[in-house]
PDB file of N, CA and C in Angstrom:
ATOM      1  N   MET A   1       1.086  22.334  15.462  1.00  0.00           N
ATOM      2  CA  MET A   1       1.175  22.951  16.774  1.00  0.00           C
ATOM      3  C   MET A   1       0.031  22.441  17.644  1.00  0.00           C
ATOM      4  N   SER A   2       0.270  22.406  18.904  1.00  0.00           N
ATOM      5  CA  SER A   2      -0.762  21.970  19.832  1.00  0.00           C
ATOM      6  C   SER A   2      -1.717  23.123  20.131  1.00  0.00           C
ATOM      7  N   ILE A   3      -2.811  22.795  20.766  1.00  0.00           N
ATOM      8  CA  ILE A   3      -3.801  23.810  21.133  1.00  0.00           C
ATOM      9  C   ILE A   3      -3.207  24.825  22.108  1.00  0.00           C
ATOM     10  N   ILE A   4      -2.322  24.377  22.988  1.00  0.00           N
ATOM     11  CA  ILE A   4      -1.669  25.291  23.941  1.00  0.00           C
ATOM     12  C   ILE A   4      -0.794  26.292  23.197  1.00  0.00           C
ATOM     13  N   ALA A   5      -0.083  25.833  22.181  1.00  0.00           N
ATOM     14  CA  ALA A   5       0.756  26.738  21.394  1.00  0.00           C
ATOM     15  C   ALA A   5      -0.104  27.767  20.669  1.00  0.00           C
ATOM     16  N   TRP A   6      -1.261  27.358  20.138  1.00  0.00           N
ATOM     17  CA  TRP A   6      -2.152  28.307  19.477  1.00  0.00           C
ATOM     18  C   TRP A   6      -2.701  29.329  20.464  1.00  0.00           C
ATOM     19  N   ILE A   7      -2.985  28.916  21.682  1.00  0.00           N
ATOM     20  CA  ILE A   7      -3.475  29.851  22.695  1.00  0.00           C
ATOM     21  C   ILE A   7      -2.390  30.863  23.045  1.00  0.00           C
ATOM     22  N   ILE A   8      -1.176  30.396  23.228  1.00  0.00           N
ATOM     23  CA  ILE A   8      -0.066  31.310  23.519  1.00  0.00           C
ATOM     24  C   ILE A   8       0.157  32.257  22.350  1.00  0.00           C
ATOM     25  N   LEU A   9       0.144  31.717  21.154  1.00  0.00           N
ATOM     26  CA  LEU A   9       0.282  32.542  19.953  1.00  0.00           C
ATOM     27  C   LEU A   9      -0.836  33.572  19.891  1.00  0.00           C
ATOM     28  N   GLY A  10      -2.047  33.171  20.212  1.00  0.00           N
ATOM     29  CA  GLY A  10      -3.185  34.088  20.204  1.00  0.00           C
ATOM     30  C   GLY A  10      -3.057  35.182  21.239  1.00  0.00           C
ATOM     31  N   LEU A  11      -2.542  34.848  22.410  1.00  0.00           N
ATOM     32  CA  LEU A  11      -2.322  35.872  23.444  1.00  0.00           C
ATOM     33  C   LEU A  11      -1.353  36.934  22.948  1.00  0.00           C
ATOM     34  N   VAL A  12      -0.261  36.495  22.368  1.00  0.00           N
ATOM     35  CA  VAL A  12       0.739  37.433  21.855  1.00  0.00           C
ATOM     36  C   VAL A  12       0.175  38.212  20.664  1.00  0.00           C
ATOM     37  N   ALA A  13      -0.544  37.539  19.792  1.00  0.00           N
ATOM     38  CA  ALA A  13      -1.137  38.211  18.630  1.00  0.00           C
ATOM     39  C   ALA A  13      -2.159  39.254  19.077  1.00  0.00           C
ATOM     40  N   GLY A  14      -2.910  38.972  20.121  1.00  0.00           N
ATOM     41  CA  GLY A  14      -3.872  39.935  20.649  1.00  0.00           C
ATOM     42  C   GLY A  14      -3.182  41.180  21.195  1.00  0.00           C
ATOM     43  N   VAL A  15      -2.069  40.983  21.875  1.00  0.00           N
ATOM     44  CA  VAL A  15      -1.310  42.126  22.398  1.00  0.00           C
ATOM     45  C   VAL A  15      -0.748  42.950  21.246  1.00  0.00           C
ATOM     46  N   ILE A  16      -0.215  42.279  20.233  1.00  0.00           N
ATOM     47  CA  ILE A  16       0.328  42.998  19.075  1.00  0.00           C
ATOM     48  C   ILE A  16      -0.786  43.743  18.340  1.00  0.00           C
ATOM     49  N   ALA A  17      -1.953  43.126  18.196  1.00  0.00           N
ATOM     50  CA  ALA A  17      -3.082  43.804  17.546  1.00  0.00           C
ATOM     51  C   ALA A  17      -3.503  45.031  18.350  1.00  0.00           C
ATOM     52  N   LYS A  18      -3.474  44.924  19.657  1.00  0.00           N
ATOM     53  CA  LYS A  18      -3.839  46.057  20.521  1.00  0.00           C
ATOM     54  C   LYS A  18      -2.831  47.186  20.374  1.00  0.00           C
ATOM     55  N   VAL A  19      -1.554  46.852  20.239  1.00  0.00           N
ATOM     56  CA  VAL A  19      -0.525  47.874  20.051  1.00  0.00           C
ATOM     57  C   VAL A  19      -0.697  48.547  18.689  1.00  0.00           C
ATOM     58  N   LEU A  20      -1.040  47.763  17.664  1.00  0.00           N
ATOM     59  CA  LEU A  20      -1.226  48.317  16.326  1.00  0.00           C
ATOM     60  C   LEU A  20      -2.516  49.125  16.200  1.00  0.00           C
ATOM     61  N   LEU A  21      -3.515  48.810  17.016  1.00  0.00           N
ATOM     62  CA  LEU A  21      -4.790  49.531  17.023  1.00  0.00           C
ATOM     63  C   LEU A  21      -5.065  50.072  18.421  1.00  0.00           C
ATOM     64  N   PRO A  22      -4.351  51.114  18.819  1.00  0.00           N
ATOM     65  CA  PRO A  22      -4.562  51.627  20.177  1.00  0.00           C
ATOM     66  C   PRO A  22      -5.933  52.285  20.316  1.00  0.00           C
ATOM     67  N   GLY A  23      -6.327  52.473  21.527  1.00  0.00           N
ATOM     68  CA  GLY A  23      -7.613  53.095  21.806  1.00  0.00           C
ATOM     69  C   GLY A  23      -8.391  52.273  22.803  1.00  0.00           C
ATOM     70  N   ARG A  24      -9.543  52.818  23.168  1.00  0.00           N
ATOM     71  CA  ARG A  24     -10.390  52.126  24.138  1.00  0.00           C
ATOM     72  C   ARG A  24     -11.139  50.991  23.461  1.00  0.00           C
ATOM     73  N   ASP A  25     -11.067  49.855  24.075  1.00  0.00           N
ATOM     74  CA  ASP A  25     -11.824  48.704  23.596  1.00  0.00           C
ATOM     75  C   ASP A  25     -13.032  48.514  24.494  1.00  0.00           C
ATOM     76  N   PRO A  26     -14.156  48.139  23.911  1.00  0.00           N
ATOM     77  CA  PRO A  26     -15.362  47.972  24.710  1.00  0.00           C
ATOM     78  C   PRO A  26     -15.237  46.912  25.801  1.00  0.00           C
ATOM     79  N   GLY A  27     -14.378  45.914  25.617  1.00  0.00           N
ATOM     80  CA  GLY A  27     -14.301  44.836  26.587  1.00  0.00           C
ATOM     81  C   GLY A  27     -13.071  44.836  27.456  1.00  0.00           C
ATOM     82  N   GLY A  28     -12.142  45.723  27.203  1.00  0.00           N
ATOM     83  CA  GLY A  28     -10.929  45.766  28.005  1.00  0.00           C
ATOM     84  C   GLY A  28      -9.921  44.727  27.557  1.00  0.00           C
ATOM     85  N   ILE A  29      -8.935  44.520  28.402  1.00  0.00           N
ATOM     86  CA  ILE A  29      -7.805  43.659  28.053  1.00  0.00           C
ATOM     87  C   ILE A  29      -8.200  42.185  27.973  1.00  0.00           C
ATOM     88  N   ILE A  30      -9.156  41.762  28.763  1.00  0.00           N
ATOM     89  CA  ILE A  30      -9.542  40.348  28.745  1.00  0.00           C
ATOM     90  C   ILE A  30     -10.224  39.999  27.423  1.00  0.00           C
ATOM     91  N   ILE A  31     -11.143  40.828  26.983  1.00  0.00           N
ATOM     92  CA  ILE A  31     -11.818  40.573  25.711  1.00  0.00           C
ATOM     93  C   ILE A  31     -10.835  40.691  24.564  1.00  0.00           C
ATOM     94  N   THR A  32      -9.922  41.671  24.648  1.00  0.00           N
ATOM     95  CA  THR A  32      -8.910  41.821  23.602  1.00  0.00           C
ATOM     96  C   THR A  32      -8.047  40.570  23.512  1.00  0.00           C
ATOM     97  N   THR A  33      -7.700  39.983  24.645  1.00  0.00           N
ATOM     98  CA  THR A  33      -6.911  38.760  24.666  1.00  0.00           C
ATOM     99  C   THR A  33      -7.691  37.601  24.044  1.00  0.00           C
ATOM    100  N   LEU A  34      -8.957  37.484  24.390  1.00  0.00           N
ATOM    101  CA  LEU A  34      -9.788  36.424  23.810  1.00  0.00           C
ATOM    102  C   LEU A  34      -9.949  36.618  22.304  1.00  0.00           C
ATOM    103  N   ILE A  35     -10.052  37.874  21.872  1.00  0.00           N
ATOM    104  CA  ILE A  35     -10.115  38.162  20.440  1.00  0.00           C
ATOM    105  C   ILE A  35      -8.807  37.745  19.777  1.00  0.00           C
ATOM    106  N   GLY A  36      -7.691  37.965  20.456  1.00  0.00           N
ATOM    107  CA  GLY A  36      -6.401  37.539  19.914  1.00  0.00           C
ATOM    108  C   GLY A  36      -6.324  36.038  19.732  1.00  0.00           C
ATOM    109  N   ILE A  37      -6.817  35.295  20.702  1.00  0.00           N
ATOM    110  CA  ILE A  37      -6.811  33.836  20.604  1.00  0.00           C
ATOM    111  C   ILE A  37      -7.711  33.386  19.450  1.00  0.00           C
ATOM    112  N   ALA A  38      -8.909  33.955  19.375  1.00  0.00           N
ATOM    113  CA  ALA A  38      -9.813  33.606  18.272  1.00  0.00           C
ATOM    114  C   ALA A  38      -9.212  34.035  16.935  1.00  0.00           C
ATOM    115  N   GLY A  39      -8.548  35.185  16.915  1.00  0.00           N
ATOM    116  CA  GLY A  39      -7.924  35.673  15.688  1.00  0.00           C
ATOM    117  C   GLY A  39      -6.816  34.763  15.203  1.00  0.00           C
ATOM    118  N   ALA A  40      -6.083  34.180  16.122  1.00  0.00           N
ATOM    119  CA  ALA A  40      -5.029  33.242  15.734  1.00  0.00           C
ATOM    120  C   ALA A  40      -5.634  32.024  15.046  1.00  0.00           C
ATOM    121  N   PHE A  41      -6.728  31.517  15.582  1.00  0.00           N
ATOM    122  CA  PHE A  41      -7.389  30.372  14.962  1.00  0.00           C
ATOM    123  C   PHE A  41      -7.980  30.754  13.603  1.00  0.00           C
ATOM    124  N   VAL A  42      -8.660  31.897  13.551  1.00  0.00           N
ATOM    125  CA  VAL A  42      -9.276  32.339  12.301  1.00  0.00           C
ATOM    126  C   VAL A  42      -8.208  32.630  11.248  1.00  0.00           C
ATOM    127  N   GLY A  43      -7.163  33.331  11.648  1.00  0.00           N
ATOM    128  CA  GLY A  43      -6.084  33.642  10.701  1.00  0.00           C
ATOM    129  C   GLY A  43      -5.413  32.393  10.165  1.00  0.00           C
ATOM    130  N   GLY A  44      -5.173  31.430  11.025  1.00  0.00           N
ATOM    131  CA  GLY A  44      -4.578  30.175  10.589  1.00  0.00           C
ATOM    132  C   GLY A  44      -5.482  29.405   9.650  1.00  0.00           C
ATOM    133  N   TRP A  45      -6.769  29.391   9.961  1.00  0.00           N
ATOM    134  CA  TRP A  45      -7.723  28.690   9.105  1.00  0.00           C
ATOM    135  C   TRP A  45      -7.837  29.367   7.748  1.00  0.00           C
ATOM    136  N   LEU A  46      -7.952  30.711   7.747  1.00  0.00           N
ATOM    137  CA  LEU A  46      -8.057  31.442   6.482  1.00  0.00           C
ATOM    138  C   LEU A  46      -6.809  31.269   5.628  1.00  0.00           C
ATOM    139  N   SER A  47      -5.656  31.285   6.277  1.00  0.00           N
ATOM    140  CA  SER A  47      -4.398  31.108   5.557  1.00  0.00           C
ATOM    141  C   SER A  47      -4.345  29.734   4.887  1.00  0.00           C
ATOM    142  N   ALA A  48      -4.753  28.720   5.609  1.00  0.00           N
ATOM    143  CA  ALA A  48      -4.719  27.365   5.053  1.00  0.00           C
ATOM    144  C   ALA A  48      -5.802  27.154   3.999  1.00  0.00           C
ATOM    145  N   LYS A  49      -6.964  27.737   4.212  1.00  0.00           N
ATOM    146  CA  LYS A  49      -8.110  27.484   3.337  1.00  0.00           C
ATOM    147  C   LYS A  49      -8.046  28.280   2.034  1.00  0.00           C
ATOM    148  N   PHE A  50      -7.774  29.578   2.135  1.00  0.00           N
ATOM    149  CA  PHE A  50      -7.907  30.436   0.958  1.00  0.00           C
ATOM    150  C   PHE A  50      -6.584  30.858   0.329  1.00  0.00           C
ATOM    151  N   LEU A  51      -5.523  30.878   1.093  1.00  0.00           N
ATOM    152  CA  LEU A  51      -4.236  31.296   0.543  1.00  0.00           C
ATOM    153  C   LEU A  51      -3.352  30.117   0.175  1.00  0.00           C
ATOM    154  N   ASP A  52      -3.879  28.918   0.377  1.00  0.00           N
ATOM    155  CA  ASP A  52      -3.128  27.697   0.090  1.00  0.00           C
ATOM    156  C   ASP A  52      -1.769  27.708   0.781  1.00  0.00           C
ATOM    157  N   ARG A  53      -1.768  28.224   1.999  1.00  0.00           N
ATOM    158  CA  ARG A  53      -0.541  28.291   2.806  1.00  0.00           C
ATOM    159  C   ARG A  53      -0.804  27.540   4.099  1.00  0.00           C
ATOM    160  N   PRO A  54      -0.590  26.235   4.084  1.00  0.00           N
ATOM    161  CA  PRO A  54      -0.845  25.466   5.313  1.00  0.00           C
ATOM    162  C   PRO A  54       0.069  25.925   6.441  1.00  0.00           C
ATOM    163  N   ILE A  55      -0.475  25.877   7.621  1.00  0.00           N
ATOM    164  CA  ILE A  55       0.267  26.286   8.802  1.00  0.00           C
ATOM    165  C   ILE A  55       1.213  25.162   9.194  1.00  0.00           C
ATOM    166  N   ASN A  56       2.468  25.517   9.371  1.00  0.00           N
ATOM    167  CA  ASN A  56       3.476  24.534   9.770  1.00  0.00           C
ATOM    168  C   ASN A  56       3.331  24.172  11.234  1.00  0.00           C
ATOM    169  N   ASP A  57       3.983  23.112  11.609  1.00  0.00           N
ATOM    170  CA  ASP A  57       4.016  22.725  13.008  1.00  0.00           C
ATOM    171  C   ASP A  57       5.030  23.530  13.800  1.00  0.00           C
ATOM    172  N   ASP A  58       5.793  24.352  13.124  1.00  0.00           N
ATOM    173  CA  ASP A  58       6.820  25.155  13.776  1.00  0.00           C
ATOM    174  C   ASP A  58       6.195  26.401  14.389  1.00  0.00           C
ATOM    175  N   PHE A  59       6.393  26.600  15.684  1.00  0.00           N
ATOM    176  CA  PHE A  59       5.819  27.731  16.409  1.00  0.00           C
ATOM    177  C   PHE A  59       6.385  29.053  15.919  1.00  0.00           C
ATOM    178  N   PHE A  60       7.613  29.072  15.454  1.00  0.00           N
ATOM    179  CA  PHE A  60       8.279  30.313  15.069  1.00  0.00           C
ATOM    180  C   PHE A  60       8.253  30.559  13.563  1.00  0.00           C
ATOM    181  N   ASP A  61       7.299  29.987  12.865  1.00  0.00           N
ATOM    182  CA  ASP A  61       7.138  30.215  11.432  1.00  0.00           C
ATOM    183  C   ASP A  61       6.538  31.599  11.211  1.00  0.00           C
ATOM    184  N   LEU A  62       7.161  32.404  10.362  1.00  0.00           N
ATOM    185  CA  LEU A  62       6.718  33.777  10.126  1.00  0.00           C
ATOM    186  C   LEU A  62       5.295  33.822   9.573  1.00  0.00           C
ATOM    187  N   ALA A  63       4.957  32.921   8.661  1.00  0.00           N
ATOM    188  CA  ALA A  63       3.607  32.911   8.087  1.00  0.00           C
ATOM    189  C   ALA A  63       2.552  32.637   9.159  1.00  0.00           C
ATOM    190  N   THR A  64       2.867  31.802  10.113  1.00  0.00           N
ATOM    191  CA  THR A  64       1.937  31.515  11.206  1.00  0.00           C
ATOM    192  C   THR A  64       1.676  32.769  12.021  1.00  0.00           C
ATOM    193  N   TRP A  65       2.727  33.495  12.330  1.00  0.00           N
ATOM    194  CA  TRP A  65       2.589  34.713  13.125  1.00  0.00           C
ATOM    195  C   TRP A  65       1.840  35.795  12.365  1.00  0.00           C
ATOM    196  N   VAL A  66       2.137  35.949  11.087  1.00  0.00           N
ATOM    197  CA  VAL A  66       1.444  36.957  10.279  1.00  0.00           C
ATOM    198  C   VAL A  66      -0.046  36.620  10.196  1.00  0.00           C
ATOM    199  N   ALA A  67      -0.369  35.365   9.979  1.00  0.00           N
ATOM    200  CA  ALA A  67      -1.775  34.954   9.902  1.00  0.00           C
ATOM    201  C   ALA A  67      -2.483  35.197  11.232  1.00  0.00           C
ATOM    202  N   ALA A  68      -1.836  34.891  12.331  1.00  0.00           N
ATOM    203  CA  ALA A  68      -2.448  35.082  13.647  1.00  0.00           C
ATOM    204  C   ALA A  68      -2.666  36.560  13.948  1.00  0.00           C
ATOM    205  N   ILE A  69      -1.687  37.385  13.650  1.00  0.00           N
ATOM    206  CA  ILE A  69      -1.813  38.818  13.911  1.00  0.00           C
ATOM    207  C   ILE A  69      -2.869  39.435  12.993  1.00  0.00           C
ATOM    208  N   ALA A  70      -2.878  39.039  11.728  1.00  0.00           N
ATOM    209  CA  ALA A  70      -3.883  39.553  10.792  1.00  0.00           C
ATOM    210  C   ALA A  70      -5.290  39.148  11.231  1.00  0.00           C
ATOM    211  N   GLY A  71      -5.456  37.910  11.639  1.00  0.00           N
ATOM    212  CA  GLY A  71      -6.754  37.467  12.131  1.00  0.00           C
ATOM    213  C   GLY A  71      -7.185  38.231  13.366  1.00  0.00           C
ATOM    214  N   SER A  72      -6.251  38.512  14.262  1.00  0.00           N
ATOM    215  CA  SER A  72      -6.557  39.279  15.466  1.00  0.00           C
ATOM    216  C   SER A  72      -6.941  40.713  15.126  1.00  0.00           C
ATOM    217  N   LEU A  73      -6.238  41.310  14.177  1.00  0.00           N
ATOM    218  CA  LEU A  73      -6.571  42.671  13.761  1.00  0.00           C
ATOM    219  C   LEU A  73      -7.970  42.738  13.157  1.00  0.00           C
ATOM    220  N   VAL A  74      -8.288  41.782  12.303  1.00  0.00           N
ATOM    221  CA  VAL A  74      -9.606  41.776  11.671  1.00  0.00           C
ATOM    222  C   VAL A  74     -10.699  41.619  12.723  1.00  0.00           C
ATOM    223  N   LEU A  75     -10.538  40.678  13.630  1.00  0.00           N
ATOM    224  CA  LEU A  75     -11.558  40.475  14.659  1.00  0.00           C
ATOM    225  C   LEU A  75     -11.664  41.667  15.604  1.00  0.00           C
ATOM    226  N   LEU A  76     -10.541  42.310  15.917  1.00  0.00           N
ATOM    227  CA  LEU A  76     -10.572  43.480  16.787  1.00  0.00           C
ATOM    228  C   LEU A  76     -11.296  44.636  16.102  1.00  0.00           C
ATOM    229  N   ILE A  77     -11.066  44.823  14.815  1.00  0.00           N
ATOM    230  CA  ILE A  77     -11.757  45.880  14.075  1.00  0.00           C
ATOM    231  C   ILE A  77     -13.258  45.598  14.024  1.00  0.00           C
ATOM    232  N   VAL A  78     -13.625  44.366  13.731  1.00  0.00           N
ATOM    233  CA  VAL A  78     -15.046  44.008  13.688  1.00  0.00           C
ATOM    234  C   VAL A  78     -15.688  44.198  15.051  1.00  0.00           C
ATOM    235  N   TYR A  79     -14.992  43.793  16.102  1.00  0.00           N
ATOM    236  CA  TYR A  79     -15.522  43.949  17.459  1.00  0.00           C
ATOM    237  C   TYR A  79     -15.729  45.420  17.792  1.00  0.00           C
ATOM    238  N   ARG A  80     -14.773  46.261  17.434  1.00  0.00           N
ATOM    239  CA  ARG A  80     -14.918  47.706  17.693  1.00  0.00           C
ATOM    240  C   ARG A  80     -16.061  48.300  16.888  1.00  0.00           C
ATOM    241  N   LEU A  81     -16.248  47.850  15.661  1.00  0.00           N
ATOM    242  CA  LEU A  81     -17.352  48.358  14.848  1.00  0.00           C
ATOM    243  C   LEU A  81     -18.711  47.960  15.438  1.00  0.00           C
ATOM    244  N   LEU A  82     -18.788  46.741  15.945  1.00  0.00           N
ATOM    245  CA  LEU A  82     -20.056  46.259  16.488  1.00  0.00           C
ATOM    246  C   LEU A  82     -20.361  46.803  17.883  1.00  0.00           C
ATOM    247  N   PHE A  83     -19.340  46.883  18.733  1.00  0.00           N
ATOM    248  CA  PHE A  83     -19.579  47.215  20.138  1.00  0.00           C
ATOM    249  C   PHE A  83     -18.810  48.439  20.610  1.00  0.00           C
ATOM    250  N   GLY A  84     -18.216  49.187  19.710  1.00  0.00           N
ATOM    251  CA  GLY A  84     -17.351  50.306  20.080  1.00  0.00           C
ATOM    252  C   GLY A  84     -18.039  51.428  20.812  1.00  0.00           C
ATOM    253  N   ASN A  85     -19.301  51.652  20.571  1.00  0.00           N
ATOM    254  CA  ASN A  85     -20.001  52.759  21.206  1.00  0.00           C
ATOM    255  C   ASN A  85     -20.660  52.378  22.524  1.00  0.00           C
ATOM    256  N   SER A  86     -20.532  51.152  22.937  1.00  0.00           N
ATOM    257  CA  SER A  86     -21.242  50.704  24.127  1.00  0.00           C
ATOM    258  C   SER A  86     -20.657  51.270  25.410  1.00  0.00           C
ATOM    259  N   ARG A  87     -19.414  51.741  25.414  1.00  0.00           N
ATOM    260  CA  ARG A  87     -18.809  52.274  26.633  1.00  0.00           C
ATOM    261  C   ARG A  87     -18.774  53.797  26.654  1.00  0.00           C
ATOM    262  N   GLU A  88     -19.219  54.436  25.594  1.00  0.00           N
ATOM    263  CA  GLU A  88     -19.223  55.890  25.577  1.00  0.00           C
ATOM    264  C   GLU A  88     -20.344  56.420  26.465  1.00  0.00           C
ATOM    265  N   ARG A  89     -20.030  57.519  27.141  1.00  0.00           N
ATOM    266  CA  ARG A  89     -21.047  58.161  27.979  1.00  0.00           C
ATOM    267  C   ARG A  89     -21.914  59.047  27.106  1.00  0.00           C
ATOM    268  N   ARG A  90     -23.165  59.051  27.409  1.00  0.00           N
ATOM    269  CA  ARG A  90     -24.096  59.876  26.627  1.00  0.00           C
ATOM    270  C   ARG A  90     -24.502  61.075  27.414  1.00  0.00           C
TER     271      ARG A  90
END
């Protein structure tokens, strides 16, 4: 897949991760989208590196989507753990 396809996949994966993990995010929709894009790259890399499941060139491969969404979920959870309290009023 091209870099543009990974970015599009990451945008969609970020939205799906946000739907699966509702709530206030410290960075809003823009940061959540960027986390989705990074999650797609991380998920694809982890899938290829540790699960011995290379990412196909096919955009509609189920394993590619699962890896991207899983990577986005992991990064979103880590981001909330690190910066989740920064928007709360004291």
